[in-house]
Amino acid sequence: MNARAHKLGTTSISFESHDFQGGNPLTTDMRQPSVKEHLLILRESGGSKDLTSSIAQLPCGEELKAGLNLLNGNWEAAHQRVQTLKGSLAAHWHGIIHRREPDFGNAKYWFRQVPPNSLFASLLASAHQLGKAHLVAHDNQWDPLKFIDCCADAGQREWTRVLDPMEVDLLLDYCLEREP
């Protein structure tokens, strides 16, 4: 078997490659996996709807659970989590969820509630590297509404599919940093 081990802070986790084929990699360990372990496993496996109930029981904020569900491929669970939340972080997740749906008008509604932030600067830097900053910037600042327009344009989908998961990863990391 091809065993992989990862180090997260002071916690080391291991799982076998066969754990990802049809099963839940979290059930091989008797303890409740941490939020960081969930995030690592979801990033490594590409998501598995089998993790939805495990995510629901994590001791973390609803915004982080929404992001983990989105990474897990469960749009409905992610949307259900942010539906009743207030604030710019929830609005950011809500906008991403609707952009992926795709419901571009609704995505724009939610992104209008998200103030400029450090994630936007990172996304603009990545857009510069892709040679696409001119399509998503306004006054040299990331414009999430312009990015939504690019996502809606079939001719732009290839490069937008690079930035979308990057935004999800950045937002997940931000949520994780905010956790107590």
N, C-alpha and C. Protein backbone atom coordinates (compact mmCIF):
# COMPACT_ATOMS: atom_id res chain seq x y z
N MET A 1 0.83 -1.18 0.00
CA MET A 1 0.00 0.00 0.00
C MET A 1 0.87 1.24 0.00
N ASN A 2 0.34 2.28 -0.64
CA ASN A 2 1.06 3.53 -0.73
C ASN A 2 0.61 4.44 0.40
N ALA A 3 1.34 4.47 1.49
CA ALA A 3 0.96 5.29 2.64
C ALA A 3 1.53 6.68 2.48
N ARG A 4 0.71 7.68 2.88
CA ARG A 4 1.16 9.06 2.86
C ARG A 4 0.98 9.63 4.25
N ALA A 5 1.93 10.43 4.69
CA ALA A 5 1.83 11.08 5.99
C ALA A 5 2.02 12.57 5.80
N HIS A 6 1.29 13.34 6.58
CA HIS A 6 1.37 14.79 6.51
C HIS A 6 1.53 15.35 7.90
N LYS A 7 2.24 16.44 8.00
CA LYS A 7 2.49 17.09 9.27
C LYS A 7 1.71 18.40 9.31
N LEU A 8 0.86 18.57 10.31
CA LEU A 8 0.09 19.79 10.51
C LEU A 8 0.37 20.27 11.93
N GLY A 9 1.18 21.28 12.05
CA GLY A 9 1.52 21.74 13.39
C GLY A 9 2.24 20.63 14.11
N THR A 10 1.71 20.20 15.25
CA THR A 10 2.33 19.12 16.01
C THR A 10 1.60 17.80 15.80
N THR A 11 0.56 17.80 14.96
CA THR A 11 -0.23 16.60 14.74
C THR A 11 0.21 15.94 13.44
N SER A 12 0.49 14.66 13.49
CA SER A 12 0.85 13.93 12.29
C SER A 12 -0.30 12.97 11.98
N ILE A 13 -0.73 12.94 10.72
CA ILE A 13 -1.80 12.01 10.35
C ILE A 13 -1.29 11.15 9.20
N SER A 14 -1.77 9.96 9.13
CA SER A 14 -1.42 9.05 8.04
C SER A 14 -2.70 8.43 7.51
N PHE A 15 -2.69 8.16 6.22
CA PHE A 15 -3.80 7.43 5.64
C PHE A 15 -3.29 6.68 4.43
N GLU A 16 -3.94 5.61 4.13
CA GLU A 16 -3.54 4.75 3.03
C GLU A 16 -4.25 5.21 1.76
N SER A 17 -3.62 5.01 0.62
CA SER A 17 -4.21 5.45 -0.64
C SER A 17 -5.55 4.75 -0.90
N HIS A 18 -5.72 3.52 -0.43
CA HIS A 18 -6.99 2.83 -0.68
C HIS A 18 -8.13 3.47 0.09
N ASP A 19 -7.83 4.26 1.12
CA ASP A 19 -8.89 4.91 1.89
C ASP A 19 -9.70 5.88 1.04
N PHE A 20 -9.15 6.36 -0.06
CA PHE A 20 -9.85 7.34 -0.88
C PHE A 20 -10.75 6.68 -1.92
N GLN A 21 -10.66 5.40 -2.09
CA GLN A 21 -11.43 4.74 -3.13
C GLN A 21 -12.72 4.19 -2.55
N GLY A 22 -13.74 5.05 -2.60
CA GLY A 22 -15.07 4.63 -2.18
C GLY A 22 -15.33 4.72 -0.70
N GLY A 23 -14.33 4.99 0.09
CA GLY A 23 -14.54 5.06 1.53
C GLY A 23 -14.21 6.42 2.09
N ASN A 24 -14.52 6.59 3.33
CA ASN A 24 -14.24 7.84 4.01
C ASN A 24 -12.88 7.71 4.70
N PRO A 25 -11.90 8.52 4.30
CA PRO A 25 -10.57 8.38 4.89
C PRO A 25 -10.55 8.75 6.36
N LEU A 26 -11.59 9.40 6.85
CA LEU A 26 -11.60 9.81 8.24
C LEU A 26 -12.04 8.70 9.18
N THR A 27 -12.63 7.64 8.66
CA THR A 27 -13.14 6.58 9.52
C THR A 27 -12.06 5.61 9.96
N THR A 28 -10.85 5.74 9.44
CA THR A 28 -9.78 4.81 9.82
C THR A 28 -9.16 5.19 11.16
N ASP A 29 -9.48 6.36 11.67
CA ASP A 29 -8.92 6.85 12.93
C ASP A 29 -10.07 6.95 13.93
N MET A 30 -9.84 6.58 15.17
CA MET A 30 -10.91 6.56 16.16
C MET A 30 -11.23 7.95 16.73
N ARG A 31 -10.31 8.89 16.63
CA ARG A 31 -10.57 10.21 17.17
C ARG A 31 -11.24 11.09 16.12
N GLN A 32 -11.85 12.18 16.57
CA GLN A 32 -12.46 13.14 15.66
C GLN A 32 -11.35 13.94 14.98
N PRO A 33 -11.25 13.89 13.65
CA PRO A 33 -10.20 14.63 12.96
C PRO A 33 -10.38 16.14 13.16
N SER A 34 -9.28 16.84 13.16
CA SER A 34 -9.32 18.29 13.34
C SER A 34 -9.79 18.97 12.06
N VAL A 35 -10.06 20.25 12.18
CA VAL A 35 -10.45 21.05 11.02
C VAL A 35 -9.32 21.04 9.99
N LYS A 36 -8.07 21.20 10.44
CA LYS A 36 -6.93 21.18 9.52
C LYS A 36 -6.82 19.84 8.80
N GLU A 37 -7.08 18.76 9.51
CA GLU A 37 -7.02 17.44 8.88
C GLU A 37 -8.12 17.29 7.83
N HIS A 38 -9.31 17.79 8.13
CA HIS A 38 -10.38 17.76 7.12
C HIS A 38 -9.95 18.52 5.88
N LEU A 39 -9.41 19.70 6.08
CA LEU A 39 -9.00 20.53 4.95
C LEU A 39 -7.92 19.83 4.13
N LEU A 40 -6.94 19.26 4.79
CA LEU A 40 -5.88 18.54 4.10
C LEU A 40 -6.44 17.36 3.30
N ILE A 41 -7.30 16.58 3.91
CA ILE A 41 -7.86 15.41 3.23
C ILE A 41 -8.71 15.83 2.04
N LEU A 42 -9.51 16.89 2.20
CA LEU A 42 -10.33 17.36 1.09
C LEU A 42 -9.46 17.87 -0.06
N ARG A 43 -8.40 18.59 0.27
CA ARG A 43 -7.50 19.07 -0.78
C ARG A 43 -6.79 17.93 -1.48
N GLU A 44 -6.40 16.92 -0.73
CA GLU A 44 -5.69 15.77 -1.31
C GLU A 44 -6.62 14.90 -2.15
N SER A 45 -7.85 14.72 -1.71
CA SER A 45 -8.75 13.77 -2.36
C SER A 45 -9.60 14.39 -3.45
N GLY A 46 -9.66 15.71 -3.49
CA GLY A 46 -10.52 16.35 -4.47
C GLY A 46 -11.97 16.39 -4.02
N GLY A 47 -12.25 16.04 -2.80
CA GLY A 47 -13.62 16.14 -2.26
C GLY A 47 -14.35 14.81 -2.32
N SER A 48 -15.18 14.60 -1.34
CA SER A 48 -16.00 13.39 -1.26
C SER A 48 -17.23 13.72 -0.45
N LYS A 49 -18.41 13.50 -1.03
CA LYS A 49 -19.65 13.83 -0.30
C LYS A 49 -19.78 13.01 0.98
N ASP A 50 -18.98 11.97 1.12
CA ASP A 50 -19.00 11.16 2.34
C ASP A 50 -18.58 11.98 3.57
N LEU A 51 -17.94 13.12 3.37
CA LEU A 51 -17.42 13.90 4.49
C LEU A 51 -18.42 14.94 5.02
N THR A 52 -19.57 15.07 4.41
CA THR A 52 -20.53 16.10 4.81
C THR A 52 -20.93 15.98 6.27
N SER A 53 -21.26 14.79 6.73
CA SER A 53 -21.69 14.64 8.13
C SER A 53 -20.53 14.88 9.09
N SER A 54 -19.32 14.52 8.68
CA SER A 54 -18.15 14.77 9.52
C SER A 54 -17.87 16.27 9.62
N ILE A 55 -18.01 17.00 8.52
CA ILE A 55 -17.81 18.45 8.51
C ILE A 55 -18.83 19.11 9.43
N ALA A 56 -20.06 18.64 9.41
CA ALA A 56 -21.12 19.24 10.23
C ALA A 56 -20.80 19.19 11.71
N GLN A 57 -20.00 18.21 12.13
CA GLN A 57 -19.70 18.04 13.56
C GLN A 57 -18.41 18.72 14.00
N LEU A 58 -17.74 19.38 13.09
CA LEU A 58 -16.48 20.05 13.44
C LEU A 58 -16.73 21.22 14.39
N PRO A 59 -15.84 21.41 15.35
CA PRO A 59 -15.96 22.54 16.28
C PRO A 59 -15.34 23.80 15.68
N CYS A 60 -16.02 24.38 14.68
CA CYS A 60 -15.50 25.58 14.03
C CYS A 60 -16.66 26.44 13.56
N GLY A 61 -16.34 27.60 13.05
CA GLY A 61 -17.35 28.54 12.60
C GLY A 61 -18.12 28.06 11.37
N GLU A 62 -19.30 28.60 11.22
CA GLU A 62 -20.17 28.22 10.10
C GLU A 62 -19.57 28.60 8.74
N GLU A 63 -18.86 29.73 8.69
CA GLU A 63 -18.24 30.13 7.42
C GLU A 63 -17.21 29.11 6.98
N LEU A 64 -16.41 28.62 7.92
CA LEU A 64 -15.40 27.62 7.59
C LEU A 64 -16.08 26.32 7.17
N LYS A 65 -17.14 25.93 7.86
CA LYS A 65 -17.88 24.72 7.47
C LYS A 65 -18.46 24.88 6.06
N ALA A 66 -18.94 26.07 5.74
CA ALA A 66 -19.46 26.31 4.39
C ALA A 66 -18.36 26.09 3.35
N GLY A 67 -17.18 26.64 3.61
CA GLY A 67 -16.07 26.46 2.68
C GLY A 67 -15.63 25.02 2.55
N LEU A 68 -15.60 24.30 3.66
CA LEU A 68 -15.23 22.88 3.62
C LEU A 68 -16.27 22.10 2.82
N ASN A 69 -17.54 22.42 2.99
CA ASN A 69 -18.58 21.74 2.21
C ASN A 69 -18.44 22.06 0.72
N LEU A 70 -18.09 23.29 0.39
CA LEU A 70 -17.90 23.66 -1.01
C LEU A 70 -16.71 22.88 -1.58
N LEU A 71 -15.62 22.83 -0.85
CA LEU A 71 -14.45 22.05 -1.28
C LEU A 71 -14.80 20.57 -1.38
N ASN A 72 -15.71 20.13 -0.56
CA ASN A 72 -16.17 18.74 -0.54
C ASN A 72 -17.09 18.43 -1.72
N GLY A 73 -17.45 19.45 -2.48
CA GLY A 73 -18.33 19.24 -3.63
C GLY A 73 -19.80 19.26 -3.28
N ASN A 74 -20.13 19.72 -2.09
CA ASN A 74 -21.53 19.74 -1.66
C ASN A 74 -22.03 21.18 -1.63
N TRP A 75 -22.44 21.67 -2.80
CA TRP A 75 -22.94 23.03 -2.97
C TRP A 75 -24.13 23.29 -2.04
N GLU A 76 -25.03 22.33 -1.94
CA GLU A 76 -26.25 22.52 -1.14
C GLU A 76 -25.92 22.74 0.34
N ALA A 77 -25.03 21.93 0.88
CA ALA A 77 -24.67 22.07 2.29
C ALA A 77 -23.94 23.40 2.53
N ALA A 78 -23.09 23.79 1.60
CA ALA A 78 -22.38 25.07 1.72
C ALA A 78 -23.38 26.22 1.71
N HIS A 79 -24.33 26.17 0.79
CA HIS A 79 -25.32 27.24 0.68
C HIS A 79 -26.21 27.30 1.92
N GLN A 80 -26.60 26.16 2.42
CA GLN A 80 -27.43 26.11 3.62
C GLN A 80 -26.72 26.77 4.80
N ARG A 81 -25.42 26.58 4.91
CA ARG A 81 -24.66 27.16 6.03
C ARG A 81 -24.61 28.69 5.95
N VAL A 82 -24.38 29.25 4.75
CA VAL A 82 -24.22 30.70 4.65
C VAL A 82 -25.55 31.44 4.53
N GLN A 83 -26.60 30.73 4.22
CA GLN A 83 -27.91 31.34 3.96
C GLN A 83 -28.35 32.30 5.07
N THR A 84 -28.12 31.96 6.31
CA THR A 84 -28.62 32.77 7.42
C THR A 84 -27.55 33.63 8.08
N LEU A 85 -26.31 33.54 7.59
CA LEU A 85 -25.21 34.28 8.22
C LEU A 85 -25.15 35.71 7.71
N LYS A 86 -24.62 36.58 8.53
CA LYS A 86 -24.43 37.98 8.19
C LYS A 86 -22.94 38.27 8.11
N GLY A 87 -22.59 39.38 7.48
CA GLY A 87 -21.20 39.82 7.45
C GLY A 87 -20.53 39.57 6.11
N SER A 88 -19.39 40.24 5.94
CA SER A 88 -18.70 40.19 4.65
C SER A 88 -18.09 38.81 4.35
N LEU A 89 -17.68 38.09 5.38
CA LEU A 89 -17.11 36.76 5.15
C LEU A 89 -18.19 35.81 4.62
N ALA A 90 -19.34 35.83 5.24
CA ALA A 90 -20.46 35.00 4.76
C ALA A 90 -20.87 35.44 3.35
N ALA A 91 -20.88 36.75 3.10
CA ALA A 91 -21.24 37.25 1.77
C ALA A 91 -20.24 36.78 0.72
N HIS A 92 -18.96 36.73 1.11
CA HIS A 92 -17.93 36.27 0.18
C HIS A 92 -18.19 34.81 -0.21
N TRP A 93 -18.44 33.95 0.78
CA TRP A 93 -18.76 32.55 0.49
C TRP A 93 -20.03 32.45 -0.34
N HIS A 94 -21.03 33.23 0.03
CA HIS A 94 -22.31 33.20 -0.68
C HIS A 94 -22.10 33.57 -2.16
N GLY A 95 -21.27 34.59 -2.40
CA GLY A 95 -20.98 34.99 -3.77
C GLY A 95 -20.29 33.90 -4.56
N ILE A 96 -19.31 33.24 -3.96
CA ILE A 96 -18.60 32.15 -4.64
C ILE A 96 -19.57 31.02 -4.97
N ILE A 97 -20.41 30.67 -4.01
CA ILE A 97 -21.37 29.58 -4.21
C ILE A 97 -22.27 29.88 -5.40
N HIS A 98 -22.81 31.10 -5.46
CA HIS A 98 -23.70 31.44 -6.57
C HIS A 98 -22.95 31.61 -7.89
N ARG A 99 -21.71 32.03 -7.83
CA ARG A 99 -20.91 32.12 -9.06
C ARG A 99 -20.70 30.73 -9.64
N ARG A 100 -20.51 29.74 -8.78
CA ARG A 100 -20.31 28.37 -9.24
C ARG A 100 -21.61 27.70 -9.68
N GLU A 101 -22.72 28.20 -9.21
CA GLU A 101 -24.02 27.54 -9.46
C GLU A 101 -24.30 27.34 -10.96
N PRO A 102 -24.24 28.12 -11.90
CA PRO A 102 -23.99 29.55 -11.93
C PRO A 102 -25.28 30.38 -11.87
N ASP A 103 -25.28 31.31 -10.97
CA ASP A 103 -26.33 32.32 -10.85
C ASP A 103 -25.58 33.64 -10.70
N PHE A 104 -25.15 34.18 -11.82
CA PHE A 104 -24.23 35.31 -11.81
C PHE A 104 -24.83 36.58 -11.22
N GLY A 105 -26.12 36.82 -11.45
CA GLY A 105 -26.77 37.99 -10.86
C GLY A 105 -26.77 37.93 -9.34
N ASN A 106 -27.08 36.77 -8.80
CA ASN A 106 -27.09 36.57 -7.36
C ASN A 106 -25.66 36.65 -6.80
N ALA A 107 -24.70 36.12 -7.54
CA ALA A 107 -23.30 36.20 -7.11
C ALA A 107 -22.87 37.67 -7.00
N LYS A 108 -23.27 38.48 -7.98
CA LYS A 108 -22.92 39.90 -7.93
C LYS A 108 -23.56 40.59 -6.73
N TYR A 109 -24.81 40.22 -6.43
CA TYR A 109 -25.48 40.79 -5.25
C TYR A 109 -24.62 40.57 -4.00
N TRP A 110 -24.15 39.34 -3.81
CA TRP A 110 -23.38 39.02 -2.62
C TRP A 110 -22.00 39.67 -2.63
N PHE A 111 -21.35 39.71 -3.79
CA PHE A 111 -20.02 40.31 -3.84
C PHE A 111 -20.06 41.83 -3.65
N ARG A 112 -21.19 42.46 -3.92
CA ARG A 112 -21.31 43.90 -3.64
C ARG A 112 -21.23 44.17 -2.13
N GLN A 113 -21.42 43.14 -1.32
CA GLN A 113 -21.37 43.28 0.14
C GLN A 113 -20.00 42.94 0.71
N VAL A 114 -19.05 42.62 -0.16
CA VAL A 114 -17.71 42.24 0.28
C VAL A 114 -16.76 43.41 0.03
N PRO A 115 -16.22 44.00 1.10
CA PRO A 115 -15.28 45.12 0.91
C PRO A 115 -13.94 44.62 0.38
N PRO A 116 -13.17 45.52 -0.23
CA PRO A 116 -11.82 45.13 -0.67
C PRO A 116 -11.05 44.53 0.51
N ASN A 117 -10.25 43.50 0.22
CA ASN A 117 -9.52 42.81 1.27
C ASN A 117 -8.24 42.21 0.70
N SER A 118 -7.44 41.63 1.57
CA SER A 118 -6.13 41.11 1.15
C SER A 118 -6.26 39.94 0.17
N LEU A 119 -7.34 39.19 0.22
CA LEU A 119 -7.53 38.11 -0.73
C LEU A 119 -7.64 38.67 -2.14
N PHE A 120 -8.30 39.81 -2.26
CA PHE A 120 -8.45 40.43 -3.57
C PHE A 120 -7.09 40.79 -4.16
N ALA A 121 -6.19 41.27 -3.31
CA ALA A 121 -4.85 41.62 -3.78
C ALA A 121 -4.12 40.38 -4.30
N SER A 122 -4.26 39.27 -3.60
CA SER A 122 -3.64 38.02 -4.04
C SER A 122 -4.22 37.54 -5.35
N LEU A 123 -5.53 37.66 -5.50
CA LEU A 123 -6.18 37.23 -6.74
C LEU A 123 -5.74 38.11 -7.91
N LEU A 124 -5.62 39.42 -7.67
CA LEU A 124 -5.17 40.32 -8.73
C LEU A 124 -3.74 39.99 -9.14
N ALA A 125 -2.88 39.68 -8.17
CA ALA A 125 -1.49 39.30 -8.49
C ALA A 125 -1.47 38.04 -9.36
N SER A 126 -2.34 37.09 -9.04
CA SER A 126 -2.41 35.86 -9.86
C SER A 126 -2.97 36.16 -11.25
N ALA A 127 -3.94 37.06 -11.32
CA ALA A 127 -4.48 37.46 -12.63
C ALA A 127 -3.39 38.14 -13.46
N HIS A 128 -2.53 38.92 -12.82
CA HIS A 128 -1.39 39.53 -13.52
C HIS A 128 -0.50 38.44 -14.10
N GLN A 129 -0.20 37.41 -13.31
CA GLN A 129 0.66 36.32 -13.78
C GLN A 129 0.06 35.60 -14.97
N LEU A 130 -1.28 35.54 -15.01
CA LEU A 130 -1.97 34.88 -16.12
C LEU A 130 -2.16 35.83 -17.31
N GLY A 131 -1.77 37.08 -17.15
CA GLY A 131 -1.96 38.07 -18.21
C GLY A 131 -3.40 38.50 -18.37
N LYS A 132 -4.20 38.38 -17.31
CA LYS A 132 -5.63 38.69 -17.40
C LYS A 132 -6.08 39.80 -16.44
N ALA A 133 -5.14 40.47 -15.80
CA ALA A 133 -5.51 41.48 -14.81
C ALA A 133 -6.37 42.59 -15.42
N HIS A 134 -6.11 42.93 -16.69
CA HIS A 134 -6.88 43.98 -17.33
C HIS A 134 -8.38 43.63 -17.42
N LEU A 135 -8.70 42.35 -17.33
CA LEU A 135 -10.10 41.92 -17.39
C LEU A 135 -10.81 41.95 -16.04
N VAL A 136 -10.05 41.93 -14.96
CA VAL A 136 -10.66 41.80 -13.62
C VAL A 136 -10.31 42.95 -12.68
N ALA A 137 -9.65 43.97 -13.21
CA ALA A 137 -9.24 45.08 -12.35
C ALA A 137 -9.99 46.35 -12.71
N HIS A 138 -10.20 47.16 -11.68
CA HIS A 138 -10.74 48.50 -11.84
C HIS A 138 -9.90 49.40 -10.96
N ASP A 139 -9.29 50.43 -11.54
CA ASP A 139 -8.36 51.30 -10.81
C ASP A 139 -7.27 50.49 -10.11
N ASN A 140 -6.77 49.48 -10.81
CA ASN A 140 -5.70 48.61 -10.32
C ASN A 140 -6.08 47.86 -9.04
N GLN A 141 -7.36 47.60 -8.85
CA GLN A 141 -7.87 46.81 -7.72
C GLN A 141 -8.70 45.67 -8.29
N TRP A 142 -8.65 44.51 -7.61
CA TRP A 142 -9.47 43.36 -8.00
C TRP A 142 -10.94 43.76 -7.96
N ASP A 143 -11.65 43.45 -9.01
CA ASP A 143 -13.09 43.73 -9.08
C ASP A 143 -13.83 42.40 -9.21
N PRO A 144 -14.43 41.93 -8.11
CA PRO A 144 -15.10 40.62 -8.17
C PRO A 144 -16.26 40.59 -9.15
N LEU A 145 -16.87 41.73 -9.43
CA LEU A 145 -17.97 41.76 -10.40
C LEU A 145 -17.45 41.54 -11.82
N LYS A 146 -16.28 42.08 -12.11
CA LYS A 146 -15.67 41.83 -13.42
C LYS A 146 -15.25 40.36 -13.54
N PHE A 147 -14.78 39.78 -12.43
CA PHE A 147 -14.42 38.37 -12.47
C PHE A 147 -15.66 37.51 -12.74
N ILE A 148 -16.78 37.87 -12.15
CA ILE A 148 -18.03 37.14 -12.42
C ILE A 148 -18.38 37.24 -13.90
N ASP A 149 -18.22 38.43 -14.48
CA ASP A 149 -18.48 38.58 -15.92
C ASP A 149 -17.58 37.66 -16.73
N CYS A 150 -16.33 37.55 -16.33
CA CYS A 150 -15.40 36.65 -17.03
C CYS A 150 -15.82 35.19 -16.87
N CYS A 151 -16.29 34.83 -15.68
CA CYS A 151 -16.76 33.46 -15.45
C CYS A 151 -17.97 33.15 -16.32
N ALA A 152 -18.80 34.15 -16.58
CA ALA A 152 -20.00 33.96 -17.40
C ALA A 152 -19.66 33.86 -18.89
N ASP A 153 -18.52 34.38 -19.29
CA ASP A 153 -18.09 34.39 -20.68
C ASP A 153 -17.40 33.07 -21.02
N ALA A 154 -18.04 32.28 -21.87
CA ALA A 154 -17.50 30.96 -22.21
C ALA A 154 -16.07 31.05 -22.73
N GLY A 155 -15.70 32.13 -23.38
CA GLY A 155 -14.36 32.29 -23.91
C GLY A 155 -13.30 32.52 -22.85
N GLN A 156 -13.72 32.82 -21.63
CA GLN A 156 -12.79 33.12 -20.54
C GLN A 156 -12.71 31.98 -19.52
N ARG A 157 -13.48 30.94 -19.69
CA ARG A 157 -13.62 29.92 -18.64
C ARG A 157 -12.33 29.20 -18.28
N GLU A 158 -11.45 28.99 -19.22
CA GLU A 158 -10.25 28.21 -18.91
C GLU A 158 -9.40 28.89 -17.82
N TRP A 159 -9.12 30.16 -17.95
CA TRP A 159 -8.29 30.83 -16.95
C TRP A 159 -9.09 31.15 -15.69
N THR A 160 -10.40 31.35 -15.79
CA THR A 160 -11.17 31.62 -14.57
C THR A 160 -11.24 30.37 -13.70
N ARG A 161 -11.12 29.21 -14.31
CA ARG A 161 -11.13 27.96 -13.54
C ARG A 161 -9.82 27.75 -12.78
N VAL A 162 -8.84 28.57 -13.04
CA VAL A 162 -7.60 28.56 -12.27
C VAL A 162 -7.78 29.44 -11.03
N LEU A 163 -8.38 30.62 -11.22
CA LEU A 163 -8.52 31.57 -10.11
C LEU A 163 -9.62 31.20 -9.13
N ASP A 164 -10.68 30.57 -9.60
CA ASP A 164 -11.79 30.23 -8.71
C ASP A 164 -11.36 29.32 -7.56
N PRO A 165 -10.72 28.18 -7.82
CA PRO A 165 -10.29 27.34 -6.69
C PRO A 165 -9.21 28.02 -5.84
N MET A 166 -8.42 28.89 -6.46
CA MET A 166 -7.42 29.63 -5.70
C MET A 166 -8.13 30.54 -4.68
N GLU A 167 -9.21 31.19 -5.11
CA GLU A 167 -9.97 32.05 -4.20
C GLU A 167 -10.57 31.23 -3.05
N VAL A 168 -11.09 30.05 -3.36
CA VAL A 168 -11.65 29.18 -2.32
C VAL A 168 -10.56 28.80 -1.32
N ASP A 169 -9.39 28.41 -1.81
CA ASP A 169 -8.28 28.04 -0.91
C ASP A 169 -7.85 29.22 -0.04
N LEU A 170 -7.74 30.40 -0.63
CA LEU A 170 -7.36 31.58 0.14
C LEU A 170 -8.38 31.89 1.23
N LEU A 171 -9.65 31.78 0.88
CA LEU A 171 -10.71 32.08 1.84
C LEU A 171 -10.78 31.01 2.94
N LEU A 172 -10.56 29.76 2.58
CA LEU A 172 -10.49 28.70 3.59
C LEU A 172 -9.35 28.94 4.56
N ASP A 173 -8.19 29.29 4.02
CA ASP A 173 -7.04 29.57 4.89
C ASP A 173 -7.32 30.77 5.80
N TYR A 174 -7.96 31.79 5.26
CA TYR A 174 -8.32 32.96 6.08
C TYR A 174 -9.27 32.55 7.21
N CYS A 175 -10.28 31.77 6.89
CA CYS A 175 -11.23 31.31 7.91
C CYS A 175 -10.52 30.48 8.96
N LEU A 176 -9.63 29.62 8.54
CA LEU A 176 -8.90 28.76 9.47
C LEU A 176 -8.02 29.59 10.42
N GLU A 177 -7.40 30.62 9.90
CA GLU A 177 -6.58 31.51 10.74
C GLU A 177 -7.40 32.22 11.80
N ARG A 178 -8.66 32.48 11.51
CA ARG A 178 -9.55 33.20 12.45
C ARG A 178 -10.09 32.29 13.55
N GLU A 179 -9.97 31.00 13.38
CA GLU A 179 -10.49 30.06 14.37
C GLU A 179 -9.71 30.16 15.67
N PRO A 180 -10.42 30.02 16.80
CA PRO A 180 -9.73 30.08 18.11
C PRO A 180 -8.81 28.89 18.32
